[in-house]
Every structure is written in structure tokens, then in C-alpha cells.
């Protein structure tokens, strides 16, 4: 199968989020860990669904959901940084990867419009 940049990046990001979730749970932070785990791993899951979509409309809809989940994840990351659960370095690493994903998703959505 041909490599797909957004599939690979979103999968790598999901692994980073799982690692972060484990850290938060070890700090006894369950609410925010659940939120970041849900939105951060949903990005790649929706991209996978989009890739397997039957129609262009379905593809675009799933990519749009991925974009929204990425925006939500950005919110949770900012909240975790500003509340002191993650360091600025941890935030910067995750935010850099997430920003790249957001840019790619935006371009995909824009180029798939009818």
C-alpha cells in the first residue's frame, strides 16, 4: 500500500497522546486525560475512515471531523500547559506535530471541495 502522510502523522501523534494520557493518569488526572485521549486519538481514526470512504462527500465529511478533533485537541493541550500538567517543552513538541496535522487536513479539505 502507498504511504499516506496524514495517516502516518496522525498515527504517530496518537501514540504521543497515549503516552501523555498515561502520564496524566499517573498524576491522578482522569478527566483531562480522558478528554485528550478521546480527541487526540480520534483524529487518526477519522482519517482512516475517510481513506476507506466510498464517496468524495463521505471522505470530506470524515476529514472535516478529523480537523475538528484536532482543534479540540489543541484546546486540551493549551489547558494542560496552562494548568501545569505538562511542561512548555512537552506542549511545544505536541503542538508542533498537531499544527502540521491541522495544516495538512485543512489543505485536504479545501482541495476536496466540489
N, C-alpha and C. Protein backbone atom coordinates (compact mmCIF):
# COMPACT_ATOMS: atom_id res chain seq x y z
N UNK A 1 0.83 -1.18 0.00
CA UNK A 1 0.00 0.00 0.00
C UNK A 1 0.88 1.25 0.00
N UNK A 2 0.46 2.25 -0.74
CA UNK A 2 1.19 3.51 -0.84
C UNK A 2 1.15 4.25 0.50
N UNK A 3 2.28 4.86 0.86
CA UNK A 3 2.34 5.63 2.10
C UNK A 3 1.43 6.84 2.00
N UNK A 4 0.81 7.18 3.10
CA UNK A 4 -0.08 8.32 3.17
C UNK A 4 0.39 9.19 4.34
N UNK A 5 0.88 10.38 4.03
CA UNK A 5 1.49 11.25 5.04
C UNK A 5 0.55 11.54 6.20
N UNK A 6 -0.69 11.92 5.93
CA UNK A 6 -1.59 12.29 7.02
C UNK A 6 -1.96 11.07 7.87
N UNK A 7 -2.06 9.91 7.25
CA UNK A 7 -2.33 8.69 8.02
C UNK A 7 -1.17 8.41 8.96
N UNK A 8 0.04 8.49 8.45
CA UNK A 8 1.23 8.23 9.26
C UNK A 8 1.40 9.26 10.38
N UNK A 9 1.23 10.55 10.06
CA UNK A 9 1.40 11.61 11.05
C UNK A 9 0.35 11.50 12.16
N UNK A 10 -0.89 11.22 11.78
CA UNK A 10 -1.94 11.14 12.78
C UNK A 10 -1.75 9.91 13.68
N UNK A 11 -1.24 8.82 13.13
CA UNK A 11 -0.96 7.63 13.92
C UNK A 11 0.17 7.91 14.92
N UNK A 12 1.23 8.54 14.44
CA UNK A 12 2.35 8.91 15.32
C UNK A 12 1.87 9.84 16.43
N UNK A 13 1.02 10.79 16.07
CA UNK A 13 0.50 11.72 17.06
C UNK A 13 -0.35 10.99 18.10
N UNK A 14 -1.17 10.03 17.66
CA UNK A 14 -2.00 9.26 18.58
C UNK A 14 -1.12 8.53 19.60
N UNK A 15 -0.01 7.99 19.15
CA UNK A 15 0.91 7.32 20.08
C UNK A 15 1.48 8.31 21.10
N UNK A 16 1.78 9.53 20.64
CA UNK A 16 2.27 10.57 21.56
C UNK A 16 1.19 10.91 22.59
N UNK A 17 -0.05 10.97 22.15
CA UNK A 17 -1.17 11.30 23.04
C UNK A 17 -1.40 10.17 24.06
N UNK A 18 -1.26 8.94 23.63
CA UNK A 18 -1.41 7.81 24.56
C UNK A 18 -0.34 7.90 25.66
N UNK A 19 0.87 8.23 25.26
CA UNK A 19 1.95 8.39 26.24
C UNK A 19 1.61 9.52 27.22
N UNK A 20 1.09 10.62 26.69
CA UNK A 20 0.68 11.73 27.55
C UNK A 20 -0.45 11.30 28.48
N UNK A 21 -1.41 10.56 27.95
CA UNK A 21 -2.52 10.08 28.77
C UNK A 21 -2.04 9.23 29.93
N UNK A 22 -1.09 8.36 29.67
CA UNK A 22 -0.52 7.52 30.74
C UNK A 22 0.13 8.39 31.82
N UNK A 23 0.83 9.43 31.39
CA UNK A 23 1.48 10.34 32.34
C UNK A 23 0.44 11.05 33.20
N UNK A 24 -0.63 11.52 32.56
CA UNK A 24 -1.68 12.23 33.30
C UNK A 24 -2.38 11.31 34.29
N UNK A 25 -2.64 10.08 33.88
CA UNK A 25 -3.28 9.11 34.77
C UNK A 25 -2.37 8.82 35.97
N UNK A 26 -1.06 8.74 35.72
CA UNK A 26 -0.10 8.53 36.82
C UNK A 26 -0.11 9.70 37.79
N UNK A 27 -0.51 10.89 37.31
CA UNK A 27 -0.63 12.08 38.16
C UNK A 27 -2.03 12.17 38.77
N UNK A 28 -2.82 11.12 38.59
CA UNK A 28 -4.21 11.07 39.08
C UNK A 28 -5.10 12.13 38.43
N UNK A 29 -4.81 12.47 37.21
CA UNK A 29 -5.65 13.40 36.44
C UNK A 29 -6.44 12.57 35.44
N UNK A 30 -7.70 12.33 35.77
CA UNK A 30 -8.52 11.42 34.97
C UNK A 30 -9.44 12.13 33.98
N UNK A 31 -9.94 13.29 34.33
CA UNK A 31 -10.89 13.99 33.46
C UNK A 31 -10.17 14.52 32.22
N UNK A 32 -9.11 15.27 32.42
CA UNK A 32 -8.38 15.83 31.28
C UNK A 32 -7.69 14.74 30.47
N UNK A 33 -7.21 13.69 31.14
CA UNK A 33 -6.56 12.60 30.40
C UNK A 33 -7.57 11.93 29.48
N UNK A 34 -8.78 11.75 29.95
CA UNK A 34 -9.82 11.13 29.11
C UNK A 34 -10.15 12.03 27.91
N UNK A 35 -10.26 13.31 28.14
CA UNK A 35 -10.60 14.25 27.06
C UNK A 35 -9.51 14.27 25.98
N UNK A 36 -8.26 14.38 26.41
CA UNK A 36 -7.16 14.46 25.43
C UNK A 36 -6.98 13.13 24.71
N UNK A 37 -7.20 12.03 25.41
CA UNK A 37 -7.11 10.71 24.77
C UNK A 37 -8.20 10.54 23.72
N UNK A 38 -9.41 10.95 24.03
CA UNK A 38 -10.52 10.80 23.10
C UNK A 38 -10.30 11.64 21.84
N UNK A 39 -10.03 12.93 22.03
CA UNK A 39 -9.89 13.80 20.85
C UNK A 39 -8.60 13.53 20.08
N UNK A 40 -7.52 13.29 20.80
CA UNK A 40 -6.22 13.10 20.15
C UNK A 40 -6.09 11.83 19.34
N UNK A 41 -6.79 10.77 19.77
CA UNK A 41 -6.75 9.53 19.01
C UNK A 41 -7.84 9.48 17.94
N UNK A 42 -8.86 10.28 18.12
CA UNK A 42 -9.97 10.34 17.16
C UNK A 42 -9.53 10.94 15.83
N UNK A 43 -8.52 11.79 15.86
CA UNK A 43 -8.03 12.42 14.63
C UNK A 43 -7.67 11.34 13.61
N UNK A 44 -6.80 10.44 14.00
CA UNK A 44 -6.35 9.38 13.11
C UNK A 44 -7.43 8.38 12.77
N UNK A 45 -8.31 8.09 13.74
CA UNK A 45 -9.40 7.13 13.48
C UNK A 45 -10.32 7.66 12.38
N UNK A 46 -10.62 8.95 12.42
CA UNK A 46 -11.49 9.53 11.39
C UNK A 46 -10.77 9.64 10.05
N UNK A 47 -9.48 9.86 10.08
CA UNK A 47 -8.71 9.88 8.83
C UNK A 47 -8.75 8.49 8.19
N UNK A 48 -8.57 7.46 9.00
CA UNK A 48 -8.65 6.08 8.48
C UNK A 48 -10.02 5.82 7.85
N UNK A 49 -11.08 6.29 8.51
CA UNK A 49 -12.42 6.13 7.95
C UNK A 49 -12.55 6.89 6.63
N UNK A 50 -11.97 8.09 6.57
CA UNK A 50 -12.04 8.89 5.35
C UNK A 50 -11.35 8.18 4.19
N UNK A 51 -10.19 7.63 4.47
CA UNK A 51 -9.43 6.93 3.43
C UNK A 51 -10.24 5.75 2.89
N UNK A 52 -11.00 5.12 3.76
CA UNK A 52 -11.82 3.98 3.34
C UNK A 52 -13.22 4.38 2.88
N UNK A 53 -13.45 5.68 2.80
CA UNK A 53 -14.78 6.16 2.41
C UNK A 53 -15.16 5.78 1.00
N UNK A 54 -16.46 5.67 0.79
CA UNK A 54 -16.99 5.26 -0.50
C UNK A 54 -17.12 6.43 -1.46
N UNK A 55 -17.50 7.58 -0.93
CA UNK A 55 -17.73 8.73 -1.81
C UNK A 55 -16.83 9.90 -1.41
N UNK A 56 -16.73 10.85 -2.31
CA UNK A 56 -15.96 12.07 -2.04
C UNK A 56 -16.60 12.86 -0.90
N UNK A 57 -17.92 12.85 -0.86
CA UNK A 57 -18.65 13.55 0.20
C UNK A 57 -18.34 12.93 1.57
N UNK A 58 -18.33 11.61 1.63
CA UNK A 58 -18.00 10.91 2.87
C UNK A 58 -16.55 11.19 3.28
N UNK A 59 -15.65 11.17 2.30
CA UNK A 59 -14.24 11.48 2.55
C UNK A 59 -14.09 12.86 3.18
N UNK A 60 -14.71 13.83 2.56
CA UNK A 60 -14.61 15.22 3.03
C UNK A 60 -15.22 15.36 4.43
N UNK A 61 -16.35 14.70 4.67
CA UNK A 61 -17.01 14.78 5.98
C UNK A 61 -16.11 14.22 7.08
N UNK A 62 -15.49 13.07 6.83
CA UNK A 62 -14.61 12.46 7.84
C UNK A 62 -13.35 13.28 8.06
N UNK A 63 -12.81 13.85 6.99
CA UNK A 63 -11.64 14.71 7.14
C UNK A 63 -12.00 15.97 7.93
N UNK A 64 -13.21 16.46 7.74
CA UNK A 64 -13.66 17.63 8.50
C UNK A 64 -13.80 17.30 9.98
N UNK A 65 -14.30 16.11 10.27
CA UNK A 65 -14.38 15.68 11.67
C UNK A 65 -12.98 15.57 12.27
N UNK A 66 -12.04 15.05 11.52
CA UNK A 66 -10.65 14.96 11.98
C UNK A 66 -10.10 16.35 12.30
N UNK A 67 -10.40 17.30 11.43
CA UNK A 67 -9.94 18.68 11.64
C UNK A 67 -10.53 19.23 12.95
N UNK A 68 -11.81 19.01 13.17
CA UNK A 68 -12.46 19.50 14.39
C UNK A 68 -11.88 18.82 15.62
N UNK A 69 -11.61 17.54 15.53
CA UNK A 69 -11.00 16.82 16.66
C UNK A 69 -9.59 17.36 16.95
N UNK A 70 -8.87 17.70 15.90
CA UNK A 70 -7.53 18.28 16.07
C UNK A 70 -7.61 19.64 16.76
N UNK A 71 -8.61 20.44 16.38
CA UNK A 71 -8.80 21.74 17.04
C UNK A 71 -9.13 21.54 18.52
N UNK A 72 -9.99 20.57 18.80
CA UNK A 72 -10.33 20.28 20.19
C UNK A 72 -9.09 19.83 20.97
N UNK A 73 -8.29 18.99 20.35
CA UNK A 73 -7.06 18.52 20.99
C UNK A 73 -6.14 19.68 21.31
N UNK A 74 -6.07 20.65 20.40
CA UNK A 74 -5.25 21.85 20.64
C UNK A 74 -5.73 22.58 21.89
N UNK A 75 -7.03 22.67 22.06
CA UNK A 75 -7.60 23.30 23.25
C UNK A 75 -7.14 22.57 24.52
N UNK A 76 -7.29 21.25 24.53
CA UNK A 76 -6.90 20.48 25.71
C UNK A 76 -5.41 20.60 26.00
N UNK A 77 -4.58 20.62 24.95
CA UNK A 77 -3.14 20.79 25.16
C UNK A 77 -2.83 22.14 25.80
N UNK A 78 -3.47 23.19 25.32
CA UNK A 78 -3.25 24.51 25.92
C UNK A 78 -3.68 24.52 27.38
N UNK A 79 -4.81 23.90 27.65
CA UNK A 79 -5.31 23.83 29.02
C UNK A 79 -4.34 23.05 29.92
N UNK A 80 -3.82 21.95 29.42
CA UNK A 80 -2.86 21.16 30.20
C UNK A 80 -1.57 21.94 30.46
N UNK A 81 -1.12 22.69 29.47
CA UNK A 81 0.08 23.51 29.66
C UNK A 81 -0.16 24.61 30.69
N UNK A 82 -1.25 25.33 30.51
CA UNK A 82 -1.52 26.48 31.37
C UNK A 82 -1.89 26.08 32.80
N UNK A 83 -2.34 24.85 32.98
CA UNK A 83 -2.66 24.37 34.33
C UNK A 83 -1.48 23.66 35.00
N UNK A 84 -0.37 23.52 34.25
CA UNK A 84 0.83 22.95 34.83
C UNK A 84 0.94 21.44 34.77
N UNK A 85 0.04 20.78 34.06
CA UNK A 85 0.12 19.32 33.95
C UNK A 85 1.20 18.88 32.97
N UNK A 86 1.51 19.72 31.99
CA UNK A 86 2.61 19.41 31.08
C UNK A 86 3.53 20.62 31.00
N UNK A 87 4.78 20.35 30.69
CA UNK A 87 5.77 21.42 30.59
C UNK A 87 5.63 22.14 29.25
N UNK A 88 6.26 23.27 29.15
CA UNK A 88 6.26 24.01 27.89
C UNK A 88 6.94 23.20 26.79
N UNK A 89 7.98 22.45 27.15
CA UNK A 89 8.66 21.60 26.16
C UNK A 89 7.75 20.48 25.66
N UNK A 90 7.03 19.86 26.58
CA UNK A 90 6.07 18.81 26.17
C UNK A 90 4.99 19.41 25.26
N UNK A 91 4.49 20.57 25.67
CA UNK A 91 3.47 21.25 24.86
C UNK A 91 4.01 21.57 23.47
N UNK A 92 5.21 22.14 23.41
CA UNK A 92 5.78 22.54 22.12
C UNK A 92 5.95 21.35 21.18
N UNK A 93 6.40 20.22 21.71
CA UNK A 93 6.58 19.03 20.87
C UNK A 93 5.24 18.56 20.30
N UNK A 94 4.24 18.47 21.16
CA UNK A 94 2.92 18.02 20.72
C UNK A 94 2.25 19.04 19.80
N UNK A 95 2.38 20.30 20.15
CA UNK A 95 1.74 21.36 19.37
C UNK A 95 2.35 21.48 17.97
N UNK A 96 3.65 21.27 17.87
CA UNK A 96 4.31 21.32 16.57
C UNK A 96 3.76 20.23 15.65
N UNK A 97 3.63 19.04 16.17
CA UNK A 97 3.09 17.92 15.38
C UNK A 97 1.61 18.16 15.04
N UNK A 98 0.87 18.64 16.01
CA UNK A 98 -0.55 18.90 15.79
C UNK A 98 -0.77 20.02 14.77
N UNK A 99 0.03 21.06 14.83
CA UNK A 99 -0.09 22.16 13.86
C UNK A 99 0.16 21.66 12.44
N UNK A 100 1.12 20.78 12.29
CA UNK A 100 1.40 20.19 10.98
C UNK A 100 0.20 19.39 10.48
N UNK A 101 -0.40 18.61 11.36
CA UNK A 101 -1.58 17.82 11.02
C UNK A 101 -2.73 18.74 10.62
N UNK A 102 -2.93 19.80 11.38
CA UNK A 102 -4.01 20.75 11.07
C UNK A 102 -3.82 21.39 9.70
N UNK A 103 -2.60 21.78 9.38
CA UNK A 103 -2.34 22.39 8.06
C UNK A 103 -2.64 21.41 6.94
N UNK A 104 -2.20 20.18 7.10
CA UNK A 104 -2.42 19.17 6.06
C UNK A 104 -3.92 18.88 5.92
N UNK A 105 -4.61 18.72 7.04
CA UNK A 105 -6.05 18.46 6.98
C UNK A 105 -6.79 19.61 6.30
N UNK A 106 -6.42 20.82 6.63
CA UNK A 106 -7.08 21.98 6.02
C UNK A 106 -6.89 21.96 4.50
N UNK A 107 -5.68 21.68 4.06
CA UNK A 107 -5.40 21.62 2.61
C UNK A 107 -6.19 20.50 1.96
N UNK A 108 -6.27 19.35 2.61
CA UNK A 108 -7.02 18.22 2.06
C UNK A 108 -8.50 18.59 1.91
N UNK A 109 -9.06 19.19 2.96
CA UNK A 109 -10.47 19.57 2.93
C UNK A 109 -10.73 20.60 1.84
N UNK A 110 -9.88 21.59 1.77
CA UNK A 110 -10.05 22.64 0.75
C UNK A 110 -9.94 22.07 -0.67
N UNK A 111 -9.00 21.19 -0.88
CA UNK A 111 -8.80 20.65 -2.23
C UNK A 111 -9.86 19.61 -2.61
N UNK A 112 -10.61 19.11 -1.63
CA UNK A 112 -11.63 18.11 -1.94
C UNK A 112 -13.02 18.72 -2.11
N UNK A 113 -13.12 20.03 -1.97
CA UNK A 113 -14.42 20.68 -2.15
C UNK A 113 -14.84 20.64 -3.60
N UNK A 114 -16.13 20.56 -3.80
CA UNK A 114 -16.68 20.49 -5.15
C UNK A 114 -16.72 21.86 -5.79
